[in-house]
Amino acid sequence: PVTLFDYGLKQSRNTGLKALGIIMGDFVTTGIHS
């Protein structure tokens, strides 16, 4: 299972999910090959 940073806990949390990519906020830009 994938772990994910939790703002409420201020630490990683076990999501119980085997497939989970990214949680991206607003106004984010990434460079090439990120």
PDB file of all heavy atoms in Angstrom:
ATOM      1  N   PRO A   1       0.820  -1.213   0.000  1.00  0.00           N
ATOM      2  CA  PRO A   1       0.000   0.000   0.000  1.00  0.00           C
ATOM      3  C   PRO A   1       0.854   1.263   0.000  1.00  0.00           C
ATOM      4  O   PRO A   1       1.944   1.306   0.582  1.00  0.00           O
ATOM      5  CB  PRO A   1      -0.818  -0.125   1.289  1.00  0.00           C
ATOM      6  CG  PRO A   1      -0.861  -1.586   1.567  1.00  0.00           C
ATOM      7  CD  PRO A   1       0.462  -2.128   1.110  1.00  0.00           C
ATOM      8  N   VAL A   2       0.327   2.291  -0.627  1.00  0.00           N
ATOM      9  CA  VAL A   2       1.039   3.556  -0.771  1.00  0.00           C
ATOM     10  C   VAL A   2       0.814   4.432   0.458  1.00  0.00           C
ATOM     11  O   VAL A   2      -0.306   4.521   0.972  1.00  0.00           O
ATOM     12  CB  VAL A   2       0.558   4.293  -2.043  1.00  0.00           C
ATOM     13  CG1 VAL A   2       1.295   5.627  -2.199  1.00  0.00           C
ATOM     14  CG2 VAL A   2       0.758   3.420  -3.271  1.00  0.00           C
ATOM     15  N   THR A   3       1.870   5.075   0.929  1.00  0.00           N
ATOM     16  CA  THR A   3       1.744   6.066   1.996  1.00  0.00           C
ATOM     17  C   THR A   3       1.722   7.460   1.376  1.00  0.00           C
ATOM     18  O   THR A   3       2.271   7.693   0.296  1.00  0.00           O
ATOM     19  CB  THR A   3       2.896   5.968   3.002  1.00  0.00           C
ATOM     20  OG1 THR A   3       4.144   6.167   2.316  1.00  0.00           O
ATOM     21  CG2 THR A   3       2.900   4.604   3.679  1.00  0.00           C
ATOM     22  N   LEU A   4       1.086   8.400   2.077  1.00  0.00           N
ATOM     23  CA  LEU A   4       0.890   9.748   1.556  1.00  0.00           C
ATOM     24  C   LEU A   4       1.002  10.739   2.701  1.00  0.00           C
ATOM     25  O   LEU A   4       0.468  10.493   3.788  1.00  0.00           O
ATOM     26  CB  LEU A   4      -0.492   9.854   0.905  1.00  0.00           C
ATOM     27  CG  LEU A   4      -0.791  11.064   0.035  1.00  0.00           C
ATOM     28  CD1 LEU A   4      -0.043  10.960  -1.290  1.00  0.00           C
ATOM     29  CD2 LEU A   4      -2.290  11.169  -0.236  1.00  0.00           C
ATOM     30  N   PHE A   5       1.682  11.861   2.460  1.00  0.00           N
ATOM     31  CA  PHE A   5       1.773  12.884   3.508  1.00  0.00           C
ATOM     32  C   PHE A   5       0.395  13.454   3.798  1.00  0.00           C
ATOM     33  O   PHE A   5      -0.348  13.806   2.893  1.00  0.00           O
ATOM     34  CB  PHE A   5       2.731  14.004   3.105  1.00  0.00           C
ATOM     35  CG  PHE A   5       2.902  15.046   4.175  1.00  0.00           C
ATOM     36  CD1 PHE A   5       3.777  14.841   5.222  1.00  0.00           C
ATOM     37  CD2 PHE A   5       2.155  16.220   4.154  1.00  0.00           C
ATOM     38  CE1 PHE A   5       3.923  15.789   6.225  1.00  0.00           C
ATOM     39  CE2 PHE A   5       2.290  17.178   5.143  1.00  0.00           C
ATOM     40  CZ  PHE A   5       3.180  16.961   6.187  1.00  0.00           C
ATOM     41  N   ASP A   6       0.071  13.562   5.077  1.00  0.00           N
ATOM     42  CA  ASP A   6      -1.232  14.061   5.522  1.00  0.00           C
ATOM     43  C   ASP A   6      -1.024  15.372   6.258  1.00  0.00           C
ATOM     44  O   ASP A   6      -0.332  15.425   7.279  1.00  0.00           O
ATOM     45  CB  ASP A   6      -1.890  13.016   6.439  1.00  0.00           C
ATOM     46  CG  ASP A   6      -3.319  13.372   6.817  1.00  0.00           C
ATOM     47  OD1 ASP A   6      -3.533  14.476   7.354  1.00  0.00           O
ATOM     48  OD2 ASP A   6      -4.223  12.542   6.587  1.00  0.00           O
ATOM     49  N   TYR A   7      -1.616  16.457   5.744  1.00  0.00           N
ATOM     50  CA  TYR A   7      -1.452  17.767   6.362  1.00  0.00           C
ATOM     51  C   TYR A   7      -2.016  17.801   7.781  1.00  0.00           C
ATOM     52  O   TYR A   7      -1.490  18.500   8.644  1.00  0.00           O
ATOM     53  CB  TYR A   7      -2.138  18.833   5.522  1.00  0.00           C
ATOM     54  CG  TYR A   7      -1.302  19.374   4.387  1.00  0.00           C
ATOM     55  CD1 TYR A   7      -1.152  18.662   3.199  1.00  0.00           C
ATOM     56  CD2 TYR A   7      -0.675  20.614   4.481  1.00  0.00           C
ATOM     57  CE1 TYR A   7      -0.395  19.164   2.149  1.00  0.00           C
ATOM     58  CE2 TYR A   7       0.080  21.131   3.448  1.00  0.00           C
ATOM     59  CZ  TYR A   7       0.212  20.402   2.277  1.00  0.00           C
ATOM     60  OH  TYR A   7       0.966  20.900   1.240  1.00  0.00           O
ATOM     61  N   GLY A   8      -3.115  17.089   8.002  1.00  0.00           N
ATOM     62  CA  GLY A   8      -3.718  17.091   9.326  1.00  0.00           C
ATOM     63  C   GLY A   8      -2.850  16.387  10.352  1.00  0.00           C
ATOM     64  O   GLY A   8      -2.696  16.855  11.481  1.00  0.00           O
ATOM     65  N   LEU A   9      -2.271  15.264   9.955  1.00  0.00           N
ATOM     66  CA  LEU A   9      -1.422  14.491  10.867  1.00  0.00           C
ATOM     67  C   LEU A   9       0.004  15.024  10.921  1.00  0.00           C
ATOM     68  O   LEU A   9       0.763  14.699  11.833  1.00  0.00           O
ATOM     69  CB  LEU A   9      -1.393  13.022  10.428  1.00  0.00           C
ATOM     70  CG  LEU A   9      -2.724  12.261  10.430  1.00  0.00           C
ATOM     71  CD1 LEU A   9      -2.534  10.868   9.862  1.00  0.00           C
ATOM     72  CD2 LEU A   9      -3.308  12.193  11.838  1.00  0.00           C
ATOM     73  N   LYS A  10       0.383  15.786   9.871  1.00  0.00           N
ATOM     74  CA  LYS A  10       1.757  16.289   9.721  1.00  0.00           C
ATOM     75  C   LYS A  10       2.764  15.150   9.612  1.00  0.00           C
ATOM     76  O   LYS A  10       3.917  15.267  10.039  1.00  0.00           O
ATOM     77  CB  LYS A  10       2.126  17.241  10.862  1.00  0.00           C
ATOM     78  CG  LYS A  10       1.312  18.529  10.866  1.00  0.00           C
ATOM     79  CD  LYS A  10       1.745  19.457  11.989  1.00  0.00           C
ATOM     80  CE  LYS A  10       1.083  20.827  11.864  1.00  0.00           C
ATOM     81  NZ  LYS A  10      -0.396  20.779  11.779  1.00  0.00           N
ATOM     82  N   GLN A  11       2.327  14.065   9.030  1.00  0.00           N
ATOM     83  CA  GLN A  11       3.197  12.918   8.775  1.00  0.00           C
ATOM     84  C   GLN A  11       2.539  12.024   7.740  1.00  0.00           C
ATOM     85  O   GLN A  11       1.394  12.250   7.341  1.00  0.00           O
ATOM     86  CB  GLN A  11       3.446  12.127  10.064  1.00  0.00           C
ATOM     87  CG  GLN A  11       2.180  11.513  10.656  1.00  0.00           C
ATOM     88  CD  GLN A  11       2.447  10.790  11.965  1.00  0.00           C
ATOM     89  OE1 GLN A  11       3.447  11.036  12.625  1.00  0.00           O
ATOM     90  NE2 GLN A  11       1.555   9.897  12.335  1.00  0.00           N
ATOM     91  N   SER A  12       3.277  11.010   7.294  1.00  0.00           N
ATOM     92  CA  SER A  12       2.742  10.116   6.277  1.00  0.00           C
ATOM     93  C   SER A  12       1.673   9.211   6.853  1.00  0.00           C
ATOM     94  O   SER A  12       1.694   8.857   8.036  1.00  0.00           O
ATOM     95  CB  SER A  12       3.870   9.279   5.668  1.00  0.00           C
ATOM     96  OG  SER A  12       4.754  10.100   4.938  1.00  0.00           O
ATOM     97  N   ARG A  13       0.734   8.841   5.990  1.00  0.00           N
ATOM     98  CA  ARG A  13      -0.387   7.997   6.373  1.00  0.00           C
ATOM     99  C   ARG A  13      -0.524   6.858   5.368  1.00  0.00           C
ATOM    100  O   ARG A  13      -0.357   7.056   4.168  1.00  0.00           O
ATOM    101  CB  ARG A  13      -1.672   8.848   6.401  1.00  0.00           C
ATOM    102  CG  ARG A  13      -2.965   8.086   6.448  1.00  0.00           C
ATOM    103  CD  ARG A  13      -4.150   9.044   6.507  1.00  0.00           C
ATOM    104  NE  ARG A  13      -4.125  10.062   5.460  1.00  0.00           N
ATOM    105  CZ  ARG A  13      -4.491   9.837   4.211  1.00  0.00           C
ATOM    106  NH1 ARG A  13      -4.909   8.643   3.818  1.00  0.00           N
ATOM    107  NH2 ARG A  13      -4.441  10.813   3.309  1.00  0.00           N
ATOM    108  N   ASN A  14      -0.831   5.677   5.867  1.00  0.00           N
ATOM    109  CA  ASN A  14      -1.053   4.528   4.989  1.00  0.00           C
ATOM    110  C   ASN A  14      -2.431   4.667   4.348  1.00  0.00           C
ATOM    111  O   ASN A  14      -3.445   4.649   5.030  1.00  0.00           O
ATOM    112  CB  ASN A  14      -0.962   3.227   5.782  1.00  0.00           C
ATOM    113  CG  ASN A  14      -1.007   1.998   4.882  1.00  0.00           C
ATOM    114  OD1 ASN A  14      -1.457   2.051   3.734  1.00  0.00           O
ATOM    115  ND2 ASN A  14      -0.546   0.873   5.402  1.00  0.00           N
ATOM    116  N   THR A  15      -2.465   4.798   3.025  1.00  0.00           N
ATOM    117  CA  THR A  15      -3.743   4.986   2.340  1.00  0.00           C
ATOM    118  C   THR A  15      -4.500   3.682   2.131  1.00  0.00           C
ATOM    119  O   THR A  15      -5.709   3.704   1.866  1.00  0.00           O
ATOM    120  CB  THR A  15      -3.523   5.634   0.964  1.00  0.00           C
ATOM    121  OG1 THR A  15      -2.803   4.717   0.116  1.00  0.00           O
ATOM    122  CG2 THR A  15      -2.740   6.939   1.098  1.00  0.00           C
ATOM    123  N   GLY A  16      -3.804   2.568   2.206  1.00  0.00           N
ATOM    124  CA  GLY A  16      -4.433   1.280   1.917  1.00  0.00           C
ATOM    125  C   GLY A  16      -4.596   1.013   0.431  1.00  0.00           C
ATOM    126  O   GLY A  16      -5.084  -0.054   0.046  1.00  0.00           O
ATOM    127  N   LEU A  17      -4.183   1.962  -0.415  1.00  0.00           N
ATOM    128  CA  LEU A  17      -4.315   1.811  -1.859  1.00  0.00           C
ATOM    129  C   LEU A  17      -3.006   1.321  -2.459  1.00  0.00           C
ATOM    130  O   LEU A  17      -1.926   1.775  -2.079  1.00  0.00           O
ATOM    131  CB  LEU A  17      -4.701   3.148  -2.509  1.00  0.00           C
ATOM    132  CG  LEU A  17      -6.005   3.793  -2.040  1.00  0.00           C
ATOM    133  CD1 LEU A  17      -6.181   5.147  -2.730  1.00  0.00           C
ATOM    134  CD2 LEU A  17      -7.188   2.892  -2.322  1.00  0.00           C
ATOM    135  N   LYS A  18      -3.107   0.438  -3.424  1.00  0.00           N
ATOM    136  CA  LYS A  18      -1.905  -0.033  -4.108  1.00  0.00           C
ATOM    137  C   LYS A  18      -1.506   0.875  -5.268  1.00  0.00           C
ATOM    138  O   LYS A  18      -0.357   0.844  -5.704  1.00  0.00           O
ATOM    139  CB  LYS A  18      -2.114  -1.460  -4.605  1.00  0.00           C
ATOM    140  CG  LYS A  18      -2.146  -2.495  -3.493  1.00  0.00           C
ATOM    141  CD  LYS A  18      -2.166  -3.908  -4.044  1.00  0.00           C
ATOM    142  CE  LYS A  18      -2.118  -4.928  -2.920  1.00  0.00           C
ATOM    143  NZ  LYS A  18      -2.102  -6.327  -3.439  1.00  0.00           N
ATOM    144  N   ALA A  19      -2.460   1.639  -5.778  1.00  0.00           N
ATOM    145  CA  ALA A  19      -2.175   2.538  -6.898  1.00  0.00           C
ATOM    146  C   ALA A  19      -2.513   3.972  -6.487  1.00  0.00           C
ATOM    147  O   ALA A  19      -3.676   4.292  -6.249  1.00  0.00           O
ATOM    148  CB  ALA A  19      -2.970   2.134  -8.138  1.00  0.00           C
ATOM    149  N   LEU A  20      -1.494   4.814  -6.402  1.00  0.00           N
ATOM    150  CA  LEU A  20      -1.700   6.220  -6.068  1.00  0.00           C
ATOM    151  C   LEU A  20      -0.478   7.002  -6.534  1.00  0.00           C
ATOM    152  O   LEU A  20       0.653   6.665  -6.198  1.00  0.00           O
ATOM    153  CB  LEU A  20      -1.902   6.406  -4.559  1.00  0.00           C
ATOM    154  CG  LEU A  20      -2.204   7.833  -4.094  1.00  0.00           C
ATOM    155  CD1 LEU A  20      -3.448   8.387  -4.767  1.00  0.00           C
ATOM    156  CD2 LEU A  20      -2.364   7.878  -2.574  1.00  0.00           C
ATOM    157  N   GLY A  21      -0.729   8.036  -7.325  1.00  0.00           N
ATOM    158  CA  GLY A  21       0.365   8.818  -7.895  1.00  0.00           C
ATOM    159  C   GLY A  21       0.643  10.081  -7.118  1.00  0.00           C
ATOM    160  O   GLY A  21       1.261  10.051  -6.053  1.00  0.00           O
ATOM    161  N   ILE A  22       0.171  11.238  -7.629  1.00  0.00           N
ATOM    162  CA  ILE A  22       0.472  12.506  -6.987  1.00  0.00           C
ATOM    163  C   ILE A  22      -0.813  13.267  -6.653  1.00  0.00           C
ATOM    164  O   ILE A  22      -1.817  13.154  -7.342  1.00  0.00           O
ATOM    165  CB  ILE A  22       1.384  13.392  -7.868  1.00  0.00           C
ATOM    166  CG1 ILE A  22       0.761  13.649  -9.248  1.00  0.00           C
ATOM    167  CG2 ILE A  22       2.745  12.758  -8.023  1.00  0.00           C
ATOM    168  CD1 ILE A  22       1.614  14.514 -10.152  1.00  0.00           C
ATOM    169  N   ILE A  23      -0.743  14.032  -5.574  1.00  0.00           N
ATOM    170  CA  ILE A  23      -1.772  15.001  -5.215  1.00  0.00           C
ATOM    171  C   ILE A  23      -1.111  16.361  -5.355  1.00  0.00           C
ATOM    172  O   ILE A  23      -0.202  16.709  -4.595  1.00  0.00           O
ATOM    173  CB  ILE A  23      -2.287  14.800  -3.777  1.00  0.00           C
ATOM    174  CG1 ILE A  23      -2.776  13.361  -3.563  1.00  0.00           C
ATOM    175  CG2 ILE A  23      -3.388  15.812  -3.480  1.00  0.00           C
ATOM    176  CD1 ILE A  23      -3.940  12.942  -4.425  1.00  0.00           C
ATOM    177  N   MET A  24      -1.522  17.113  -6.363  1.00  0.00           N
ATOM    178  CA  MET A  24      -0.881  18.386  -6.688  1.00  0.00           C
ATOM    179  C   MET A  24      -1.828  19.539  -6.389  1.00  0.00           C
ATOM    180  O   MET A  24      -2.987  19.529  -6.797  1.00  0.00           O
ATOM    181  CB  MET A  24      -0.466  18.403  -8.164  1.00  0.00           C
ATOM    182  CG  MET A  24       0.202  19.694  -8.623  1.00  0.00           C
ATOM    183  SD  MET A  24       0.695  19.654 -10.379  1.00  0.00           S
ATOM    184  CE  MET A  24       2.070  18.497 -10.320  1.00  0.00           C
ATOM    185  N   GLY A  25      -1.332  20.539  -5.676  1.00  0.00           N
ATOM    186  CA  GLY A  25      -2.124  21.712  -5.364  1.00  0.00           C
ATOM    187  C   GLY A  25      -2.269  22.641  -6.561  1.00  0.00           C
ATOM    188  O   GLY A  25      -2.011  22.265  -7.709  1.00  0.00           O
ATOM    189  N   ASP A  26      -2.644  23.871  -6.297  1.00  0.00           N
ATOM    190  CA  ASP A  26      -2.887  24.862  -7.335  1.00  0.00           C
ATOM    191  C   ASP A  26      -1.632  25.699  -7.594  1.00  0.00           C
ATOM    192  O   ASP A  26      -0.808  25.884  -6.701  1.00  0.00           O
ATOM    193  CB  ASP A  26      -4.033  25.781  -6.915  1.00  0.00           C
ATOM    194  CG  ASP A  26      -5.293  24.996  -6.566  1.00  0.00           C
ATOM    195  OD1 ASP A  26      -5.869  24.386  -7.472  1.00  0.00           O
ATOM    196  OD2 ASP A  26      -5.680  24.981  -5.378  1.00  0.00           O
ATOM    197  N   PHE A  27      -1.515  26.198  -8.820  1.00  0.00           N
ATOM    198  CA  PHE A  27      -0.406  27.067  -9.207  1.00  0.00           C
ATOM    199  C   PHE A  27       0.955  26.369  -9.039  1.00  0.00           C
ATOM    200  O   PHE A  27       1.871  26.900  -8.416  1.00  0.00           O
ATOM    201  CB  PHE A  27      -0.428  28.370  -8.394  1.00  0.00           C
ATOM    202  CG  PHE A  27      -1.705  29.148  -8.516  1.00  0.00           C
ATOM    203  CD1 PHE A  27      -2.629  29.162  -7.484  1.00  0.00           C
ATOM    204  CD2 PHE A  27      -2.000  29.860  -9.664  1.00  0.00           C
ATOM    205  CE1 PHE A  27      -3.808  29.883  -7.585  1.00  0.00           C
ATOM    206  CE2 PHE A  27      -3.183  30.581  -9.774  1.00  0.00           C
ATOM    207  CZ  PHE A  27      -4.094  30.592  -8.739  1.00  0.00           C
ATOM    208  N   VAL A  28       1.058  25.182  -9.603  1.00  0.00           N
ATOM    209  CA  VAL A  28       2.305  24.416  -9.569  1.00  0.00           C
ATOM    210  C   VAL A  28       2.835  24.292 -10.991  1.00  0.00           C
ATOM    211  O   VAL A  28       2.084  23.966 -11.912  1.00  0.00           O
ATOM    212  CB  VAL A  28       2.097  23.017  -8.960  1.00  0.00           C
ATOM    213  CG1 VAL A  28       3.387  22.191  -9.047  1.00  0.00           C
ATOM    214  CG2 VAL A  28       1.641  23.119  -7.511  1.00  0.00           C
ATOM    215  N   THR A  29       4.118  24.548 -11.182  1.00  0.00           N
ATOM    216  CA  THR A  29       4.754  24.320 -12.475  1.00  0.00           C
ATOM    217  C   THR A  29       5.933  23.371 -12.282  1.00  0.00           C
ATOM    218  O   THR A  29       6.656  23.456 -11.284  1.00  0.00           O
ATOM    219  CB  THR A  29       5.250  25.631 -13.105  1.00  0.00           C
ATOM    220  OG1 THR A  29       6.120  26.310 -12.188  1.00  0.00           O
ATOM    221  CG2 THR A  29       4.084  26.544 -13.441  1.00  0.00           C
ATOM    222  N   THR A  30       6.093  22.458 -13.243  1.00  0.00           N
ATOM    223  CA  THR A  30       7.198  21.505 -13.179  1.00  0.00           C
ATOM    224  C   THR A  30       8.064  21.644 -14.419  1.00  0.00           C
ATOM    225  O   THR A  30       7.572  21.924 -15.514  1.00  0.00           O
ATOM    226  CB  THR A  30       6.692  20.052 -13.084  1.00  0.00           C
ATOM    227  OG1 THR A  30       6.102  19.667 -14.347  1.00  0.00           O
ATOM    228  CG2 THR A  30       5.662  19.905 -11.983  1.00  0.00           C
ATOM    229  N   GLY A  31       9.370  21.450 -14.245  1.00  0.00           N
ATOM    230  CA  GLY A  31      10.295  21.505 -15.361  1.00  0.00           C
ATOM    231  C   GLY A  31      10.237  20.241 -16.195  1.00  0.00           C
ATOM    232  O   GLY A  31       9.632  19.234 -15.808  1.00  0.00           O
ATOM    233  N   ILE A  32      10.892  20.270 -17.351  1.00  0.00           N
ATOM    234  CA  ILE A  32      10.896  19.095 -18.225  1.00  0.00           C
ATOM    235  C   ILE A  32      11.584  17.932 -17.517  1.00  0.00           C
ATOM    236  O   ILE A  32      12.485  18.104 -16.713  1.00  0.00           O
ATOM    237  CB  ILE A  32      11.572  19.395 -19.572  1.00  0.00           C
ATOM    238  CG1 ILE A  32      13.030  19.806 -19.369  1.00  0.00           C
ATOM    239  CG2 ILE A  32      10.817  20.477 -20.333  1.00  0.00           C
ATOM    240  CD1 ILE A  32      13.806  19.928 -20.671  1.00  0.00           C
ATOM    241  N   HIS A  33      11.110  16.730 -17.819  1.00  0.00           N
ATOM    242  CA  HIS A  33      11.664  15.477 -17.270  1.00  0.00           C
ATOM    243  C   HIS A  33      11.462  15.347 -15.761  1.00  0.00           C
ATOM    244  O   HIS A  33      12.143  14.538 -15.126  1.00  0.00           O
ATOM    245  CB  HIS A  33      13.151  15.328 -17.590  1.00  0.00           C
ATOM    246  CG  HIS A  33      13.445  15.094 -19.032  1.00  0.00           C
ATOM    247  ND1 HIS A  33      13.341  13.857 -19.636  1.00  0.00           N
ATOM    248  CD2 HIS A  33      13.837  15.956 -20.003  1.00  0.00           C
ATOM    249  CE1 HIS A  33      13.665  13.966 -20.908  1.00  0.00           C
ATOM    250  NE2 HIS A  33      13.963  15.232 -21.173  1.00  0.00           N
ATOM    251  N   SER A  34      10.562  16.119 -15.167  1.00  0.00           N
ATOM    252  CA  SER A  34      10.327  15.979 -13.727  1.00  0.00           C
ATOM    253  C   SER A  34       9.748  14.604 -13.431  1.00  0.00           C
ATOM    254  O   SER A  34       8.861  14.130 -14.133  1.00  0.00           O
ATOM    255  CB  SER A  34       9.374  17.075 -13.226  1.00  0.00           C
ATOM    256  OG  SER A  34       9.965  18.347 -13.335  1.00  0.00           O
TER     257      SER A  34
END
